[in-house]
Amino acid sequence: MNKTERIGIINTFVGGTLWGINGVMGSYLFLNKAVTTNWLVPYRLLIAGLILLSYLYYKNGRKVFDILKNGKDLLSIIIFGIFGMMGTQYTYFTAIEYSNAAIATVLTYFGPTLVLVYVCMREARRPLKYEIFSIVLSMFGVFLLATHGNFSGLQISFKALLWGMLSAMTLVVYTIQPEKILKKYGTTAVVAWGMFIGGIISIFMFKPWKVDVIFDFTTFIFFIIIIFSGTIAAFVLYLTGVTMIGPTKASIIACVEPVSATIFAIIFMGVTFGFLDIIGFICVISTIFIVAIFDKKEVKKKVK
């Protein structure tokens, strides 16, 4: 493993951890401050996008607008802003509203399995044995979380399961779609424009000013932390990791997010989980280690 790979892994790991903490903070606001996804996501994306764009303009001047001058790149950043950035945020926080941060995060991280399936299709190859095992294990984990092994009924609400699966799908878009423009314009510029575009669209779609929230000092502090730590830092770190180690590895390593979300949900929110929930978590999260270990072995075989 070279220096670039190590830095990419660290960036992805820290970004995923911050996302997990961010989800718990969002869950607190939903439960205690009458905040909704329709209020949190538009303001979060728009403000974070404006802050990043202002920083880039201060640093690079009008070069920040280069991505808007090429028609193909403009279309790509619009798609990323709507279906990648806004899509992941809205579906993820809606899943939290209907369950909790830990459950929503684990459901979202069925996404790496979908990324793996997409990569195999794109490369026109059959999945390797360990990849098949990872896909089946991840699906089994989601099944346990949703049903506790009982085919006759869901143990979480249908809406939580639906939004969690939609979040997993948008994670695929978020991870894979911006690969080319990330290499061309850099992580910060792509994240900034993605957030700004997603924020503008969601402002008009969801009209957050109509949501009556309890906006006190605690809400303000949590909102600021969510913007700077869980949004700007987490997204920049994650997509920097994607450019260094590729979308498949990055999406798998970022599965640290459900671990951090679960730990912080237990500590700060008093959330409890049953035995089958824990087994489901382990099944989904263990795919990180399976793919990482066997992928490394496959690379060594190719080098030989």
C-alpha atoms as a PDB file:
ATOM      1  CA  MET A   1       0.000   0.000   0.000  1.00  0.00           C
ATOM      2  CA  ASN A   2       1.522   3.325  -1.079  1.00  0.00           C
ATOM      3  CA  LYS A   3       1.225   6.745   0.584  1.00  0.00           C
ATOM      4  CA  THR A   4      -1.631   7.896  -1.668  1.00  0.00           C
ATOM      5  CA  GLU A   5      -3.715   4.825  -0.810  1.00  0.00           C
ATOM      6  CA  ARG A   6      -3.092   5.312   2.915  1.00  0.00           C
ATOM      7  CA  ILE A   7      -4.175   8.954   2.764  1.00  0.00           C
ATOM      8  CA  GLY A   8      -7.226   7.994   0.707  1.00  0.00           C
ATOM      9  CA  ILE A   9      -8.241   5.361   3.239  1.00  0.00           C
ATOM     10  CA  ILE A  10      -7.792   7.794   6.162  1.00  0.00           C
ATOM     11  CA  ASN A  11      -9.827  10.491   4.388  1.00  0.00           C
ATOM     12  CA  THR A  12     -12.645   8.080   3.631  1.00  0.00           C
ATOM     13  CA  PHE A  13     -12.607   6.674   7.167  1.00  0.00           C
ATOM     14  CA  VAL A  14     -12.792  10.100   8.825  1.00  0.00           C
ATOM     15  CA  GLY A  15     -15.464  11.283   6.378  1.00  0.00           C
ATOM     16  CA  GLY A  16     -17.603   8.231   7.147  1.00  0.00           C
ATOM     17  CA  THR A  17     -17.178   8.711  10.896  1.00  0.00           C
ATOM     18  CA  LEU A  18     -18.270  12.352  10.658  1.00  0.00           C
ATOM     19  CA  TRP A  19     -21.329  11.297   8.638  1.00  0.00           C
ATOM     20  CA  GLY A  20     -22.312   8.887  11.399  1.00  0.00           C
ATOM     21  CA  ILE A  21     -22.073  11.582  14.083  1.00  0.00           C
ATOM     22  CA  ASN A  22     -23.946  13.954  11.789  1.00  0.00           C
ATOM     23  CA  GLY A  23     -26.838  11.491  11.464  1.00  0.00           C
ATOM     24  CA  VAL A  24     -27.210  11.249  15.253  1.00  0.00           C
ATOM     25  CA  MET A  25     -27.294  15.041  15.525  1.00  0.00           C
ATOM     26  CA  GLY A  26     -29.995  15.157  12.875  1.00  0.00           C
ATOM     27  CA  SER A  27     -31.950  12.508  14.764  1.00  0.00           C
ATOM     28  CA  TYR A  28     -31.757  14.634  17.935  1.00  0.00           C
ATOM     29  CA  LEU A  29     -33.143  17.653  16.088  1.00  0.00           C
ATOM     30  CA  PHE A  30     -35.984  15.583  14.600  1.00  0.00           C
ATOM     31  CA  LEU A  31     -37.009  14.237  18.002  1.00  0.00           C
ATOM     32  CA  ASN A  32     -36.538  17.329  20.156  1.00  0.00           C
ATOM     33  CA  LYS A  33     -36.716  20.463  18.010  1.00  0.00           C
ATOM     34  CA  ALA A  34     -39.540  19.728  15.517  1.00  0.00           C
ATOM     35  CA  VAL A  35     -36.971  19.819  12.687  1.00  0.00           C
ATOM     36  CA  THR A  36     -37.886  17.917   9.509  1.00  0.00           C
ATOM     37  CA  THR A  37     -35.933  16.771   6.467  1.00  0.00           C
ATOM     38  CA  ASN A  38     -37.713  19.440   4.415  1.00  0.00           C
ATOM     39  CA  TRP A  39     -36.152  22.094   6.678  1.00  0.00           C
ATOM     40  CA  LEU A  40     -32.725  20.608   7.411  1.00  0.00           C
ATOM     41  CA  VAL A  41     -31.563  19.452   3.978  1.00  0.00           C
ATOM     42  CA  PRO A  42     -32.266  22.609   1.901  1.00  0.00           C
ATOM     43  CA  TYR A  43     -30.683  25.014   4.382  1.00  0.00           C
ATOM     44  CA  ARG A  44     -27.803  22.660   5.098  1.00  0.00           C
ATOM     45  CA  LEU A  45     -26.865  22.193   1.448  1.00  0.00           C
ATOM     46  CA  LEU A  46     -27.362  25.812   0.404  1.00  0.00           C
ATOM     47  CA  ILE A  47     -25.376  27.344   3.281  1.00  0.00           C
ATOM     48  CA  ALA A  48     -22.561  24.784   3.057  1.00  0.00           C
ATOM     49  CA  GLY A  49     -22.387  25.251  -0.721  1.00  0.00           C
ATOM     50  CA  LEU A  50     -22.209  29.045  -0.408  1.00  0.00           C
ATOM     51  CA  ILE A  51     -19.441  28.806   2.202  1.00  0.00           C
ATOM     52  CA  LEU A  52     -17.353  26.488   0.023  1.00  0.00           C
ATOM     53  CA  LEU A  53     -17.919  28.542  -3.137  1.00  0.00           C
ATOM     54  CA  SER A  54     -16.950  31.733  -1.287  1.00  0.00           C
ATOM     55  CA  TYR A  55     -13.750  30.057  -0.117  1.00  0.00           C
ATOM     56  CA  LEU A  56     -12.935  28.886  -3.647  1.00  0.00           C
ATOM     57  CA  TYR A  57     -13.631  32.332  -5.111  1.00  0.00           C
ATOM     58  CA  TYR A  58     -11.325  33.908  -2.511  1.00  0.00           C
ATOM     59  CA  LYS A  59      -8.617  31.357  -3.294  1.00  0.00           C
ATOM     60  CA  ASN A  60      -8.923  30.943  -7.092  1.00  0.00           C
ATOM     61  CA  GLY A  61     -11.008  33.879  -8.322  1.00  0.00           C
ATOM     62  CA  ARG A  62     -13.241  33.354 -11.333  1.00  0.00           C
ATOM     63  CA  LYS A  63     -11.754  29.900 -11.990  1.00  0.00           C
ATOM     64  CA  VAL A  64     -14.461  28.648  -9.649  1.00  0.00           C
ATOM     65  CA  PHE A  65     -16.945  29.138 -12.513  1.00  0.00           C
ATOM     66  CA  ASP A  66     -14.970  27.048 -15.045  1.00  0.00           C
ATOM     67  CA  ILE A  67     -17.128  23.984 -14.427  1.00  0.00           C
ATOM     68  CA  LEU A  68     -20.187  25.946 -15.630  1.00  0.00           C
ATOM     69  CA  LYS A  69     -18.623  26.921 -18.977  1.00  0.00           C
ATOM     70  CA  ASN A  70     -18.473  23.437 -20.475  1.00  0.00           C
ATOM     71  CA  GLY A  71     -21.933  22.130 -21.420  1.00  0.00           C
ATOM     72  CA  LYS A  72     -21.135  18.494 -20.698  1.00  0.00           C
ATOM     73  CA  ASP A  73     -19.548  19.283 -17.330  1.00  0.00           C
ATOM     74  CA  LEU A  74     -22.411  21.619 -16.428  1.00  0.00           C
ATOM     75  CA  LEU A  75     -24.916  18.845 -17.082  1.00  0.00           C
ATOM     76  CA  SER A  76     -22.796  16.439 -15.042  1.00  0.00           C
ATOM     77  CA  ILE A  77     -22.621  18.756 -12.008  1.00  0.00           C
ATOM     78  CA  ILE A  78     -26.374  19.421 -12.192  1.00  0.00           C
ATOM     79  CA  ILE A  79     -27.078  15.666 -12.196  1.00  0.00           C
ATOM     80  CA  PHE A  80     -24.664  15.233  -9.304  1.00  0.00           C
ATOM     81  CA  GLY A  81     -26.195  18.118  -7.369  1.00  0.00           C
ATOM     82  CA  ILE A  82     -29.757  16.805  -7.725  1.00  0.00           C
ATOM     83  CA  PHE A  83     -29.468  13.017  -7.720  1.00  0.00           C
ATOM     84  CA  GLY A  84     -26.142  12.610  -5.919  1.00  0.00           C
ATOM     85  CA  MET A  85     -25.846  15.360  -3.336  1.00  0.00           C
ATOM     86  CA  MET A  86     -29.479  16.292  -2.706  1.00  0.00           C
ATOM     87  CA  GLY A  87     -30.582  12.705  -3.301  1.00  0.00           C
ATOM     88  CA  THR A  88     -28.306  11.173  -0.669  1.00  0.00           C
ATOM     89  CA  GLN A  89     -29.086  13.856   1.874  1.00  0.00           C
ATOM     90  CA  TYR A  90     -32.850  13.869   1.502  1.00  0.00           C
ATOM     91  CA  THR A  91     -33.329  10.103   1.432  1.00  0.00           C
ATOM     92  CA  TYR A  92     -30.891   9.531   4.298  1.00  0.00           C
ATOM     93  CA  PHE A  93     -32.442  12.061   6.669  1.00  0.00           C
ATOM     94  CA  THR A  94     -35.957  10.957   5.763  1.00  0.00           C
ATOM     95  CA  ALA A  95     -34.957   7.391   6.674  1.00  0.00           C
ATOM     96  CA  ILE A  96     -33.700   8.748  10.011  1.00  0.00           C
ATOM     97  CA  GLU A  97     -37.044  10.476  10.584  1.00  0.00           C
ATOM     98  CA  TYR A  98     -38.843   7.138  10.200  1.00  0.00           C
ATOM     99  CA  SER A  99     -36.347   5.070  12.239  1.00  0.00           C
ATOM    100  CA  ASN A 100     -33.117   6.274  13.860  1.00  0.00           C
ATOM    101  CA  ALA A 101     -29.624   7.272  12.764  1.00  0.00           C
ATOM    102  CA  ALA A 102     -28.109   3.796  13.194  1.00  0.00           C
ATOM    103  CA  ILE A 103     -30.802   1.861  11.296  1.00  0.00           C
ATOM    104  CA  ALA A 104     -30.970   4.470   8.512  1.00  0.00           C
ATOM    105  CA  THR A 105     -27.193   4.463   8.135  1.00  0.00           C
ATOM    106  CA  VAL A 106     -26.917   0.674   7.905  1.00  0.00           C
ATOM    107  CA  LEU A 107     -29.680   0.590   5.286  1.00  0.00           C
ATOM    108  CA  THR A 108     -27.883   3.324   3.357  1.00  0.00           C
ATOM    109  CA  TYR A 109     -24.717   1.272   3.398  1.00  0.00           C
ATOM    110  CA  PHE A 110     -26.338  -1.410   1.357  1.00  0.00           C
ATOM    111  CA  GLY A 111     -25.065   1.088  -1.250  1.00  0.00           C
ATOM    112  CA  PRO A 112     -21.541  -0.400  -1.492  1.00  0.00           C
ATOM    113  CA  THR A 113     -23.119  -3.692  -2.530  1.00  0.00           C
ATOM    114  CA  LEU A 114     -24.943  -1.862  -5.309  1.00  0.00           C
ATOM    115  CA  VAL A 115     -21.691  -0.108  -6.269  1.00  0.00           C
ATOM    116  CA  LEU A 116     -20.025  -3.521  -6.528  1.00  0.00           C
ATOM    117  CA  VAL A 117     -22.831  -4.825  -8.760  1.00  0.00           C
ATOM    118  CA  TYR A 118     -22.604  -1.722 -10.968  1.00  0.00           C
ATOM    119  CA  VAL A 119     -18.808  -2.008 -11.327  1.00  0.00           C
ATOM    120  CA  CYS A 120     -19.117  -5.660 -12.387  1.00  0.00           C
ATOM    121  CA  MET A 121     -21.734  -4.700 -14.981  1.00  0.00           C
ATOM    122  CA  ARG A 122     -19.632  -1.789 -16.238  1.00  0.00           C
ATOM    123  CA  GLU A 123     -16.568  -3.984 -16.578  1.00  0.00           C
ATOM    124  CA  ALA A 124     -18.694  -6.720 -18.228  1.00  0.00           C
ATOM    125  CA  ARG A 125     -17.419  -9.379 -15.857  1.00  0.00           C
ATOM    126  CA  ARG A 126     -18.843 -11.879 -13.446  1.00  0.00           C
ATOM    127  CA  PRO A 127     -18.415 -11.017  -9.772  1.00  0.00           C
ATOM    128  CA  LEU A 128     -15.639 -12.932  -8.049  1.00  0.00           C
ATOM    129  CA  LYS A 129     -16.490 -15.476  -5.353  1.00  0.00           C
ATOM    130  CA  TYR A 130     -15.719 -13.111  -2.478  1.00  0.00           C
ATOM    131  CA  GLU A 131     -17.753 -10.362  -4.166  1.00  0.00           C
ATOM    132  CA  ILE A 132     -20.748 -12.701  -4.469  1.00  0.00           C
ATOM    133  CA  PHE A 133     -20.356 -13.638  -0.809  1.00  0.00           C
ATOM    134  CA  SER A 134     -20.202  -9.950   0.172  1.00  0.00           C
ATOM    135  CA  ILE A 135     -23.354  -9.162  -1.821  1.00  0.00           C
ATOM    136  CA  VAL A 136     -25.293 -12.067  -0.291  1.00  0.00           C
ATOM    137  CA  LEU A 137     -24.055 -11.246   3.229  1.00  0.00           C
ATOM    138  CA  SER A 138     -25.005  -7.596   2.868  1.00  0.00           C
ATOM    139  CA  MET A 139     -28.468  -8.501   1.583  1.00  0.00           C
ATOM    140  CA  PHE A 140     -28.922 -10.945   4.471  1.00  0.00           C
ATOM    141  CA  GLY A 141     -27.942  -8.222   6.927  1.00  0.00           C
ATOM    142  CA  VAL A 142     -30.537  -5.843   5.539  1.00  0.00           C
ATOM    143  CA  PHE A 143     -33.103  -8.664   5.642  1.00  0.00           C
ATOM    144  CA  LEU A 144     -32.409  -9.268   9.351  1.00  0.00           C
ATOM    145  CA  LEU A 145     -32.669  -5.572  10.152  1.00  0.00           C
ATOM    146  CA  ALA A 146     -35.950  -5.246   8.299  1.00  0.00           C
ATOM    147  CA  THR A 147     -37.692  -8.461   9.391  1.00  0.00           C
ATOM    148  CA  HIS A 148     -35.731 -10.087  12.264  1.00  0.00           C
ATOM    149  CA  GLY A 149     -35.981 -13.266  10.202  1.00  0.00           C
ATOM    150  CA  ASN A 150     -39.779 -13.198  10.127  1.00  0.00           C
ATOM    151  CA  PHE A 151     -41.041 -13.263   6.524  1.00  0.00           C
ATOM    152  CA  SER A 152     -44.546 -12.270   7.580  1.00  0.00           C
ATOM    153  CA  GLY A 153     -43.806  -8.746   8.777  1.00  0.00           C
ATOM    154  CA  LEU A 154     -41.380  -5.836   8.962  1.00  0.00           C
ATOM    155  CA  GLN A 155     -39.681  -4.937  12.239  1.00  0.00           C
ATOM    156  CA  ILE A 156     -39.083  -1.393  11.020  1.00  0.00           C
ATOM    157  CA  SER A 157     -41.635   0.745   9.241  1.00  0.00           C
ATOM    158  CA  PHE A 158     -42.073   0.266   5.507  1.00  0.00           C
ATOM    159  CA  LYS A 159     -41.274   3.966   5.010  1.00  0.00           C
ATOM    160  CA  ALA A 160     -37.978   3.573   6.883  1.00  0.00           C
ATOM    161  CA  LEU A 161     -37.043   0.580   4.710  1.00  0.00           C
ATOM    162  CA  LEU A 162     -38.113   2.340   1.501  1.00  0.00           C
ATOM    163  CA  TRP A 163     -36.183   5.546   2.218  1.00  0.00           C
ATOM    164  CA  GLY A 164     -33.184   3.552   3.421  1.00  0.00           C
ATOM    165  CA  MET A 165     -33.055   1.618   0.142  1.00  0.00           C
ATOM    166  CA  LEU A 166     -33.504   4.829  -1.852  1.00  0.00           C
ATOM    167  CA  SER A 167     -30.625   6.275   0.126  1.00  0.00           C
ATOM    168  CA  ALA A 168     -28.480   3.276  -0.845  1.00  0.00           C
ATOM    169  CA  MET A 169     -29.339   3.854  -4.517  1.00  0.00           C
ATOM    170  CA  THR A 170     -28.477   7.543  -4.395  1.00  0.00           C
ATOM    171  CA  LEU A 171     -25.187   6.640  -2.693  1.00  0.00           C
ATOM    172  CA  VAL A 172     -24.287   4.744  -5.868  1.00  0.00           C
ATOM    173  CA  VAL A 173     -24.932   7.879  -7.940  1.00  0.00           C
ATOM    174  CA  TYR A 174     -22.989  10.004  -5.469  1.00  0.00           C
ATOM    175  CA  THR A 175     -19.995   7.649  -5.521  1.00  0.00           C
ATOM    176  CA  ILE A 176     -19.744   6.806  -9.217  1.00  0.00           C
ATOM    177  CA  GLN A 177     -21.315   9.616 -11.275  1.00  0.00           C
ATOM    178  CA  PRO A 178     -18.840  12.473 -10.529  1.00  0.00           C
ATOM    179  CA  GLU A 179     -15.625  10.487 -11.189  1.00  0.00           C
ATOM    180  CA  LYS A 180     -14.629  12.429 -14.336  1.00  0.00           C
ATOM    181  CA  ILE A 181     -15.395  15.935 -13.080  1.00  0.00           C
ATOM    182  CA  LEU A 182     -13.668  15.159  -9.766  1.00  0.00           C
ATOM    183  CA  LYS A 183     -10.441  14.453 -11.655  1.00  0.00           C
ATOM    184  CA  LYS A 184     -10.889  17.519 -13.860  1.00  0.00           C
ATOM    185  CA  TYR A 185     -11.950  20.175 -11.333  1.00  0.00           C
ATOM    186  CA  GLY A 186     -11.007  18.767  -7.935  1.00  0.00           C
ATOM    187  CA  THR A 187     -13.029  17.563  -4.971  1.00  0.00           C
ATOM    188  CA  THR A 188     -13.799  20.894  -3.313  1.00  0.00           C
ATOM    189  CA  ALA A 189     -15.196  22.531  -6.451  1.00  0.00           C
ATOM    190  CA  VAL A 190     -17.421  19.555  -7.284  1.00  0.00           C
ATOM    191  CA  VAL A 191     -18.706  19.280  -3.701  1.00  0.00           C
ATOM    192  CA  ALA A 192     -19.311  23.039  -3.496  1.00  0.00           C
ATOM    193  CA  TRP A 193     -21.318  23.249  -6.723  1.00  0.00           C
ATOM    194  CA  GLY A 194     -23.124  19.993  -5.950  1.00  0.00           C
ATOM    195  CA  MET A 195     -24.238  21.354  -2.591  1.00  0.00           C
ATOM    196  CA  PHE A 196     -25.203  24.751  -3.987  1.00  0.00           C
ATOM    197  CA  ILE A 197     -27.221  23.283  -6.866  1.00  0.00           C
ATOM    198  CA  GLY A 198     -28.832  20.684  -4.610  1.00  0.00           C
ATOM    199  CA  GLY A 199     -29.594  23.412  -2.075  1.00  0.00           C
ATOM    200  CA  ILE A 200     -31.206  25.737  -4.620  1.00  0.00           C
ATOM    201  CA  ILE A 201     -33.364  22.964  -6.079  1.00  0.00           C
ATOM    202  CA  SER A 202     -34.438  21.687  -2.649  1.00  0.00           C
ATOM    203  CA  ILE A 203     -35.249  25.217  -1.415  1.00  0.00           C
ATOM    204  CA  PHE A 204     -37.815  25.602  -4.203  1.00  0.00           C
ATOM    205  CA  MET A 205     -39.063  22.014  -3.886  1.00  0.00           C
ATOM    206  CA  PHE A 206     -39.559  21.816  -0.118  1.00  0.00           C
ATOM    207  CA  LYS A 207     -40.082  25.471   0.954  1.00  0.00           C
ATOM    208  CA  PRO A 208     -38.303  25.102   4.332  1.00  0.00           C
ATOM    209  CA  TRP A 209     -39.426  28.525   5.545  1.00  0.00           C
ATOM    210  CA  LYS A 210     -42.890  27.038   5.977  1.00  0.00           C
ATOM    211  CA  VAL A 211     -41.643  24.485   8.538  1.00  0.00           C
ATOM    212  CA  ASP A 212     -42.173  25.605  12.137  1.00  0.00           C
ATOM    213  CA  VAL A 213     -39.097  24.453  14.084  1.00  0.00           C
ATOM    214  CA  ILE A 214     -37.919  25.172  17.621  1.00  0.00           C
ATOM    215  CA  PHE A 215     -34.918  27.313  16.688  1.00  0.00           C
ATOM    216  CA  ASP A 216     -33.112  27.950  19.980  1.00  0.00           C
ATOM    217  CA  PHE A 217     -29.408  28.039  20.910  1.00  0.00           C
ATOM    218  CA  THR A 218     -29.095  24.230  20.897  1.00  0.00           C
ATOM    219  CA  THR A 219     -30.666  23.968  17.455  1.00  0.00           C
ATOM    220  CA  PHE A 220     -28.306  26.671  16.178  1.00  0.00           C
ATOM    221  CA  ILE A 221     -25.172  24.938  17.572  1.00  0.00           C
ATOM    222  CA  PHE A 222     -26.193  21.520  16.221  1.00  0.00           C
ATOM    223  CA  PHE A 223     -27.018  23.046  12.839  1.00  0.00           C
ATOM    224  CA  ILE A 224     -23.609  24.760  12.629  1.00  0.00           C
ATOM    225  CA  ILE A 225     -21.796  21.516  13.548  1.00  0.00           C
ATOM    226  CA  ILE A 226     -23.842  19.611  10.953  1.00  0.00           C
ATOM    227  CA  ILE A 227     -22.869  22.148   8.275  1.00  0.00           C
ATOM    228  CA  PHE A 228     -19.129  22.351   8.967  1.00  0.00           C
ATOM    229  CA  SER A 229     -18.346  18.873  10.289  1.00  0.00           C
ATOM    230  CA  GLY A 230     -21.029  16.583   8.895  1.00  0.00           C
ATOM    231  CA  THR A 231     -21.382  18.358   5.551  1.00  0.00           C
ATOM    232  CA  ILE A 232     -18.343  20.318   4.349  1.00  0.00           C
ATOM    233  CA  ALA A 233     -15.596  18.258   6.029  1.00  0.00           C
ATOM    234  CA  ALA A 234     -17.266  14.850   5.590  1.00  0.00           C
ATOM    235  CA  PHE A 235     -18.116  15.278   1.893  1.00  0.00           C
ATOM    236  CA  VAL A 236     -14.731  16.751   0.938  1.00  0.00           C
ATOM    237  CA  LEU A 237     -12.852  14.016   2.791  1.00  0.00           C
ATOM    238  CA  TYR A 238     -14.984  11.225   1.302  1.00  0.00           C
ATOM    239  CA  LEU A 239     -14.733  12.379  -2.307  1.00  0.00           C
ATOM    240  CA  THR A 240     -11.008  13.030  -1.883  1.00  0.00           C
ATOM    241  CA  GLY A 241     -10.788   9.396  -0.828  1.00  0.00           C
ATOM    242  CA  VAL A 242     -12.746   8.368  -3.945  1.00  0.00           C
ATOM    243  CA  THR A 243     -10.188  10.075  -6.210  1.00  0.00           C
ATOM    244  CA  MET A 244      -7.315   8.336  -4.405  1.00  0.00           C
ATOM    245  CA  ILE A 245      -8.544   4.763  -3.954  1.00  0.00           C
ATOM    246  CA  GLY A 246     -11.524   4.469  -6.328  1.00  0.00           C
ATOM    247  CA  PRO A 247     -15.280   4.328  -5.726  1.00  0.00           C
ATOM    248  CA  THR A 248     -15.534   0.659  -4.727  1.00  0.00           C
ATOM    249  CA  LYS A 249     -12.935   0.749  -1.961  1.00  0.00           C
ATOM    250  CA  ALA A 250     -14.046   4.191  -0.786  1.00  0.00           C
ATOM    251  CA  SER A 251     -17.697   3.207  -0.460  1.00  0.00           C
ATOM    252  CA  ILE A 252     -16.731   0.077   1.485  1.00  0.00           C
ATOM    253  CA  ILE A 253     -14.306   1.788   3.877  1.00  0.00           C
ATOM    254  CA  ALA A 254     -16.875   4.507   4.533  1.00  0.00           C
ATOM    255  CA  CYS A 255     -19.042   1.775   6.036  1.00  0.00           C
ATOM    256  CA  VAL A 256     -17.438   2.941   9.272  1.00  0.00           C
ATOM    257  CA  GLU A 257     -20.364   5.384   9.243  1.00  0.00           C
ATOM    258  CA  PRO A 258     -22.913   2.884  10.616  1.00  0.00           C
ATOM    259  CA  VAL A 259     -20.455   1.944  13.360  1.00  0.00           C
ATOM    260  CA  SER A 260     -20.039   5.544  14.501  1.00  0.00           C
ATOM    261  CA  ALA A 261     -23.784   6.213  14.096  1.00  0.00           C
ATOM    262  CA  THR A 262     -24.628   3.181  16.243  1.00  0.00           C
ATOM    263  CA  ILE A 263     -22.111   4.024  18.963  1.00  0.00           C
ATOM    264  CA  PHE A 264     -23.219   7.648  19.231  1.00  0.00           C
ATOM    265  CA  ALA A 265     -26.912   6.707  19.038  1.00  0.00           C
ATOM    266  CA  ILE A 266     -26.442   4.371  22.015  1.00  0.00           C
ATOM    267  CA  ILE A 267     -24.357   6.860  24.031  1.00  0.00           C
ATOM    268  CA  PHE A 268     -26.213  10.096  23.377  1.00  0.00           C
ATOM    269  CA  MET A 269     -29.717   9.057  22.287  1.00  0.00           C
ATOM    270  CA  GLY A 270     -30.242   6.004  24.479  1.00  0.00           C
ATOM    271  CA  VAL A 271     -31.168   3.879  21.449  1.00  0.00           C
ATOM    272  CA  THR A 272     -31.276   0.123  22.115  1.00  0.00           C
ATOM    273  CA  PHE A 273     -30.925  -2.760  19.667  1.00  0.00           C
ATOM    274  CA  GLY A 274     -31.921  -6.417  19.758  1.00  0.00           C
ATOM    275  CA  PHE A 275     -29.675  -9.412  19.074  1.00  0.00           C
ATOM    276  CA  LEU A 276     -30.840  -9.780  15.451  1.00  0.00           C
ATOM    277  CA  ASP A 277     -30.267  -6.051  14.849  1.00  0.00           C
ATOM    278  CA  ILE A 278     -26.662  -6.474  15.957  1.00  0.00           C
ATOM    279  CA  ILE A 279     -26.226  -9.534  13.715  1.00  0.00           C
ATOM    280  CA  GLY A 280     -27.652  -7.523  10.794  1.00  0.00           C
ATOM    281  CA  PHE A 281     -25.210  -4.682  11.500  1.00  0.00           C
ATOM    282  CA  ILE A 282     -22.305  -7.136  11.591  1.00  0.00           C
ATOM    283  CA  CYS A 283     -23.322  -8.756   8.294  1.00  0.00           C
ATOM    284  CA  VAL A 284     -23.463  -5.427   6.464  1.00  0.00           C
ATOM    285  CA  ILE A 285     -20.345  -3.939   8.035  1.00  0.00           C
ATOM    286  CA  SER A 286     -18.208  -7.099   7.691  1.00  0.00           C
ATOM    287  CA  THR A 287     -18.291  -6.680   3.927  1.00  0.00           C
ATOM    288  CA  ILE A 288     -15.748  -3.873   4.474  1.00  0.00           C
ATOM    289  CA  PHE A 289     -13.128  -6.340   5.668  1.00  0.00           C
ATOM    290  CA  ILE A 290     -14.050  -9.120   3.240  1.00  0.00           C
ATOM    291  CA  VAL A 291     -13.693  -6.978   0.138  1.00  0.00           C
ATOM    292  CA  ALA A 292     -10.631  -5.106   1.443  1.00  0.00           C
ATOM    293  CA  ILE A 293      -8.719  -8.314   2.267  1.00  0.00           C
ATOM    294  CA  PHE A 294      -9.591 -10.252  -0.879  1.00  0.00           C
ATOM    295  CA  ASP A 295      -9.223  -7.240  -3.159  1.00  0.00           C
ATOM    296  CA  LYS A 296      -5.685  -6.843  -1.892  1.00  0.00           C
ATOM    297  CA  LYS A 297      -4.987 -10.514  -2.697  1.00  0.00           C
ATOM    298  CA  GLU A 298      -6.375 -10.105  -6.224  1.00  0.00           C
ATOM    299  CA  VAL A 299      -4.090  -7.106  -6.824  1.00  0.00           C
ATOM    300  CA  LYS A 300      -1.074  -9.136  -5.688  1.00  0.00           C
ATOM    301  CA  LYS A 301      -2.032 -11.960  -8.105  1.00  0.00           C
ATOM    302  CA  LYS A 302      -2.183  -9.501 -11.020  1.00  0.00           C
ATOM    303  CA  VAL A 303       1.220  -8.034 -10.105  1.00  0.00           C
ATOM    304  CA  LYS A 304       2.759 -11.528 -10.098  1.00  0.00           C
END
